[in-house]
Protein backbone atom coordinates (compact mmCIF):
# COMPACT_ATOMS: atom_id res chain seq x y z
CA LEU A 1 46.66 46.15 26.33
CA LYS A 2 47.78 45.25 29.86
CA LEU A 3 49.74 48.52 30.20
CA PHE A 4 46.73 50.50 28.94
CA LEU A 5 44.46 48.82 31.50
CA ILE A 6 46.94 49.55 34.31
CA TRP A 7 47.19 53.19 33.16
CA GLN A 8 43.40 53.49 32.92
CA TYR A 9 43.00 52.03 36.42
CA GLU A 10 45.64 54.32 37.93
CA THR A 11 44.21 57.46 36.29
CA ALA A 12 40.50 56.92 36.97
CA PRO A 13 38.86 60.04 38.46
CA THR A 14 38.22 60.33 42.18
CA MET A 15 34.80 60.16 43.82
CA SER A 16 32.96 62.26 46.40
CA LYS A 17 31.10 60.82 49.40
CA GLY A 18 27.80 61.48 47.61
CA ASP A 19 29.02 59.48 44.63
CA VAL A 20 29.94 56.56 46.87
CA ASP A 21 26.57 56.72 48.67
CA ALA A 22 24.78 56.68 45.31
CA LEU A 23 26.80 53.65 44.17
CA ILE A 24 26.02 51.83 47.41
CA ALA A 25 22.33 52.53 46.83
CA ARG A 26 22.62 51.14 43.29
CA CYS A 27 24.34 48.01 44.59
CA MET A 28 21.65 47.53 47.24
CA ARG A 29 19.11 47.56 44.38
CA CYS A 30 21.27 44.87 42.66
CA GLU A 31 22.07 47.19 39.72
CA LEU A 32 25.25 46.51 37.79
CA LEU A 33 28.06 49.10 37.79
CA ASP A 34 30.18 49.74 34.73
CA GLU A 35 33.90 49.08 34.73
CA LEU A 36 35.00 52.71 35.13
CA LEU A 37 32.84 53.12 38.25
CA ILE A 38 34.32 49.98 39.75
CA GLN A 39 37.82 51.26 38.97
CA MET A 40 37.00 54.54 40.69
CA VAL A 41 35.74 52.72 43.78
CA CYS A 42 38.89 50.56 43.83
CA ASN A 43 41.12 53.67 43.61
CA GLU A 44 39.29 55.32 46.50
CA LEU A 45 39.35 52.16 48.60
CA LYS A 46 43.04 51.65 47.92
CA ALA A 47 43.82 55.18 49.14
CA VAL A 48 41.74 54.72 52.30
CA LEU A 49 43.21 51.32 53.14
CA MET A 50 46.77 52.59 52.70
CA GLU A 51 46.09 55.26 55.36
CA GLU A 52 44.24 53.01 57.84
CA SER A 53 45.80 50.85 60.52
CA ASN A 54 44.92 47.17 60.54
CA VAL A 55 43.16 47.51 63.91
CA LYS A 56 40.15 49.80 64.17
CA SER A 57 38.46 50.87 67.41
CA VAL A 58 34.66 50.92 67.26
CA ALA A 59 32.05 51.82 69.87
CA ALA A 60 29.72 49.15 71.28
CA PRO A 61 27.37 47.63 70.37
CA VAL A 62 29.12 45.86 67.52
CA THR A 63 27.76 43.37 64.98
CA ILE A 64 30.37 40.73 64.16
CA VAL A 65 30.13 38.92 60.82
CA GLY A 66 32.25 36.11 59.42
CA ASP A 67 33.93 36.10 56.03
CA VAL A 68 31.32 36.08 53.25
CA HIS A 69 33.82 35.17 50.50
CA GLY A 70 32.57 37.82 48.07
CA GLN A 71 28.95 36.68 48.13
CA PHE A 72 27.24 39.99 47.35
CA TYR A 73 23.72 38.87 48.23
CA ASP A 74 24.94 37.64 51.63
CA VAL A 75 26.42 41.09 52.30
CA VAL A 76 23.13 42.76 51.31
CA GLU A 77 21.25 40.43 53.67
CA LEU A 78 23.68 41.26 56.50
CA PHE A 79 22.99 44.98 56.03
CA LEU A 80 19.24 44.34 55.99
CA ILE A 81 19.43 42.36 59.25
CA GLY A 82 22.19 44.22 61.10
CA GLY A 83 21.61 47.78 59.87
CA LYS A 84 23.43 50.10 57.55
CA VAL A 85 26.62 52.06 58.11
CA PRO A 86 26.93 54.46 59.93
CA ASP A 87 23.85 53.43 61.97
CA THR A 88 25.57 50.30 63.25
CA ASN A 89 29.09 49.11 63.98
């Protein structure tokens, strides 16, 4: 079973920007995502993070937020207060 789950995760289809935007909208409405969608997001994120440096330059003004420890509703509140990407840094 573990090998099947690893294979399924590694072979999940890729997503377009529109797909990601739609998933973000669903998350902002507090809708649950199924496992395959989450796997697809993880695959895309993994590919992006592997290409990015660990230091990113951003233009001012910048909103700085501490670690939210995976608290989804805190992240939603931060976007409501600080603004949504790409409208804010």
